[in-house]
Amino acid sequence: MKIGLLSDSHSFTDLALLDLFKDRDEIWHAGDFGNLNVIKDLENTGKPLKGVYGNIDHPEIQRIFPQDLKWNIGDFKIYMTHIAGYPGKYAARIKKELIADPVDLFICGHSHILKIMKDPTLHHMHINPGACGHEGFHIMRTAVRFEINNGKLEKLDVLELGLRGK
């Protein structure tokens, strides 16, 4: 399965990103859509959209997407939320959940900082795709593509989308 992962669009849809996701099977958004237009733009790709709401998302978006989302692709377990921290510095709620129900891949957003790393203690892959929108302090707008094949995360690519504000 080919995945396009983004976060923190903050009401901005990058048409170049949609083109970079055209060969993906699904698109996943780790929160802070910003408005319903971003959701519509992603849905208009014809790809299934999975997502979680973020701290800037209005109740109308919170009615569409949950705060936390867990699912499997075969035996490969995924957990996505917006605000979480990162390995060794997870928020208490997230750490408790990851210990109680281990996963293979943990995805979050919020920080606007691209971070891809193996959690040395909990042994899952951690991905924060950074921010693909123009709001925030990040310099480079980013997103991520990868594949999940036979229970393995493969072909992981970081997409640099251009400078914030340009």
Protein backbone atom coordinates (compact mmCIF):
# COMPACT_ATOMS: atom_id res chain seq x y z
CA MET A 1 0.00 0.00 0.00
CA LYS A 2 1.37 3.40 -1.03
CA ILE A 3 0.73 6.23 1.46
CA GLY A 4 0.96 10.01 1.23
CA LEU A 5 1.29 11.59 4.69
CA LEU A 6 0.89 15.26 5.56
CA SER A 7 0.10 17.43 8.55
CA ASP A 8 -0.45 21.02 9.55
CA SER A 9 -1.81 22.31 6.27
CA HIS A 10 -3.44 25.23 8.14
CA SER A 11 -6.04 25.93 5.42
CA PHE A 12 -3.55 25.65 2.53
CA THR A 13 -3.70 23.01 -0.20
CA ASP A 14 -0.47 22.65 -2.14
CA LEU A 15 -1.42 21.51 -5.65
CA ALA A 16 2.14 20.27 -6.22
CA LEU A 17 1.71 17.98 -3.22
CA LEU A 18 -1.50 16.57 -4.65
CA ASP A 19 0.46 15.77 -7.81
CA LEU A 20 3.18 14.06 -5.72
CA PHE A 21 0.44 11.93 -4.13
CA LYS A 22 -1.26 10.92 -7.40
CA ASP A 23 0.25 7.41 -7.33
CA ARG A 24 -0.64 6.83 -3.65
CA ASP A 25 -3.35 4.38 -2.56
CA GLU A 26 -4.35 6.48 0.47
CA ILE A 27 -3.70 9.93 1.91
CA TRP A 28 -3.29 10.37 5.67
CA HIS A 29 -3.49 13.76 7.42
CA ALA A 30 -2.14 14.11 10.98
CA GLY A 31 -4.26 17.12 11.97
CA ASP A 32 -4.61 20.87 11.66
CA PHE A 33 -6.44 20.78 8.33
CA GLY A 34 -7.53 24.35 9.05
CA ASN A 35 -10.69 24.34 6.98
CA LEU A 36 -13.09 22.13 5.06
CA ASN A 37 -11.60 23.16 1.70
CA VAL A 38 -8.41 21.23 2.47
CA ILE A 39 -10.48 18.13 3.21
CA LYS A 40 -12.46 18.57 -0.02
CA ASP A 41 -9.25 19.05 -2.04
CA LEU A 42 -7.79 15.85 -0.59
CA GLU A 43 -11.01 13.91 -1.13
CA ASN A 44 -11.20 15.18 -4.72
CA THR A 45 -8.02 13.23 -5.49
CA GLY A 46 -10.21 10.12 -5.38
CA LYS A 47 -7.91 8.55 -2.82
CA PRO A 48 -9.27 7.35 0.54
CA LEU A 49 -8.51 9.94 3.23
CA LYS A 50 -7.71 9.05 6.83
CA GLY A 51 -7.15 11.82 9.35
CA VAL A 52 -7.30 13.15 12.88
CA TYR A 53 -8.28 16.62 13.97
CA GLY A 54 -5.74 19.04 15.35
CA ASN A 55 -5.83 21.82 17.90
CA ILE A 56 -6.78 24.51 15.34
CA ASP A 57 -9.56 22.45 13.75
CA HIS A 58 -13.09 23.72 14.34
CA PRO A 59 -15.90 21.47 15.66
CA GLU A 60 -17.10 20.83 12.09
CA ILE A 61 -13.78 19.10 11.36
CA GLN A 62 -13.83 17.39 14.76
CA ARG A 63 -17.16 15.81 13.74
CA ILE A 64 -15.53 14.35 10.62
CA PHE A 65 -12.26 13.09 12.11
CA PRO A 66 -11.41 11.68 15.56
CA GLN A 67 -8.68 12.84 17.93
CA ASP A 68 -6.98 9.43 17.74
CA LEU A 69 -7.14 6.84 15.00
CA LYS A 70 -5.89 3.26 15.18
CA TRP A 71 -6.06 0.72 12.38
CA ASN A 72 -4.23 -2.20 10.85
CA ILE A 73 -2.92 -2.97 7.41
CA GLY A 74 -2.70 -6.72 7.71
CA ASP A 75 -0.75 -7.32 10.92
CA PHE A 76 0.90 -3.87 10.74
CA LYS A 77 -0.57 -1.63 13.48
CA ILE A 78 -0.83 2.15 13.06
CA TYR A 79 -1.76 4.88 15.55
CA MET A 80 -2.20 8.51 14.50
CA THR A 81 -2.97 11.59 16.59
CA HIS A 82 -2.07 15.26 16.33
CA ILE A 83 -0.35 16.31 19.59
CA ALA A 84 1.98 13.68 21.02
CA GLY A 85 5.63 14.61 21.41
CA TYR A 86 8.30 12.21 20.23
CA PRO A 87 10.25 9.17 21.51
CA GLY A 88 11.48 9.79 25.03
CA LYS A 89 9.30 12.91 25.30
CA TYR A 90 5.76 11.66 24.67
CA ALA A 91 2.83 13.35 26.37
CA ALA A 92 1.65 11.21 29.31
CA ARG A 93 -1.63 10.23 27.60
CA ILE A 94 0.20 9.07 24.48
CA LYS A 95 2.93 7.19 26.33
CA LYS A 96 0.33 5.32 28.39
CA GLU A 97 -1.56 4.36 25.21
CA LEU A 98 1.58 3.24 23.36
CA ILE A 99 2.63 1.05 26.28
CA ALA A 100 -0.86 -0.46 26.70
CA ASP A 101 -1.35 -1.11 22.99
CA PRO A 102 1.98 -1.28 21.09
CA VAL A 103 2.04 -0.33 17.41
CA ASP A 104 4.40 -0.65 14.47
CA LEU A 105 3.97 2.93 13.27
CA PHE A 106 3.11 6.01 15.31
CA ILE A 107 2.21 9.22 13.47
CA CYS A 108 1.67 12.71 14.84
CA GLY A 109 1.89 16.33 13.75
CA HIS A 110 1.61 19.63 15.65
CA SER A 111 5.29 20.52 16.13
CA HIS A 112 5.85 21.51 12.47
CA ILE A 113 9.17 19.66 12.83
CA LEU A 114 9.85 16.80 10.44
CA LYS A 115 10.93 13.83 12.55
CA ILE A 116 11.36 10.24 11.42
CA MET A 117 12.95 7.89 13.91
CA LYS A 118 12.75 4.47 15.49
CA ASP A 119 11.59 4.63 19.11
CA PRO A 120 14.45 2.85 20.93
CA THR A 121 12.27 1.94 23.92
CA LEU A 122 8.86 1.15 22.44
CA HIS A 123 10.30 -0.19 19.16
CA HIS A 124 7.88 1.43 16.72
CA MET A 125 8.65 3.80 13.88
CA HIS A 126 7.74 7.41 14.71
CA ILE A 127 6.85 9.82 11.90
CA ASN A 128 5.95 13.48 12.12
CA PRO A 129 5.74 14.71 8.52
CA GLY A 130 6.37 18.33 9.52
CA ALA A 131 4.07 21.03 8.16
CA CYS A 132 2.90 21.40 4.56
CA GLY A 133 1.19 24.75 5.09
CA HIS A 134 2.47 28.30 5.39
CA GLU A 135 1.47 29.05 9.01
CA GLY A 136 4.02 28.44 11.77
CA PHE A 137 7.73 28.80 12.38
CA HIS A 138 9.06 26.03 10.13
CA ILE A 139 11.27 27.07 7.24
CA MET A 140 10.72 24.25 4.73
CA ARG A 141 7.25 22.84 4.07
CA THR A 142 7.37 19.03 4.12
CA ALA A 143 5.34 15.86 3.69
CA VAL A 144 6.23 12.17 3.49
CA ARG A 145 5.55 9.24 1.16
CA PHE A 146 6.09 5.60 2.02
CA GLU A 147 4.83 2.10 1.42
CA ILE A 148 3.63 -0.64 3.73
CA ASN A 149 4.32 -4.01 2.15
CA ASN A 150 4.04 -7.39 3.86
CA GLY A 151 4.12 -5.81 7.32
CA LYS A 152 7.12 -3.57 6.59
CA LEU A 153 7.54 0.17 6.16
CA GLU A 154 9.46 0.72 2.92
CA LYS A 155 10.44 3.33 0.33
CA LEU A 156 10.16 6.27 2.70
CA ASP A 157 10.64 9.64 0.98
CA VAL A 158 10.69 13.10 2.50
CA LEU A 159 9.10 15.66 0.21
CA GLU A 160 10.36 19.24 0.41
CA LEU A 161 7.58 21.48 -0.88
CA GLY A 162 9.29 24.84 -0.81
CA LEU A 163 9.87 27.55 1.74
CA ARG A 164 7.08 28.64 4.08
CA GLY A 165 5.53 31.86 2.89
CA LYS A 166 6.76 31.57 -0.71
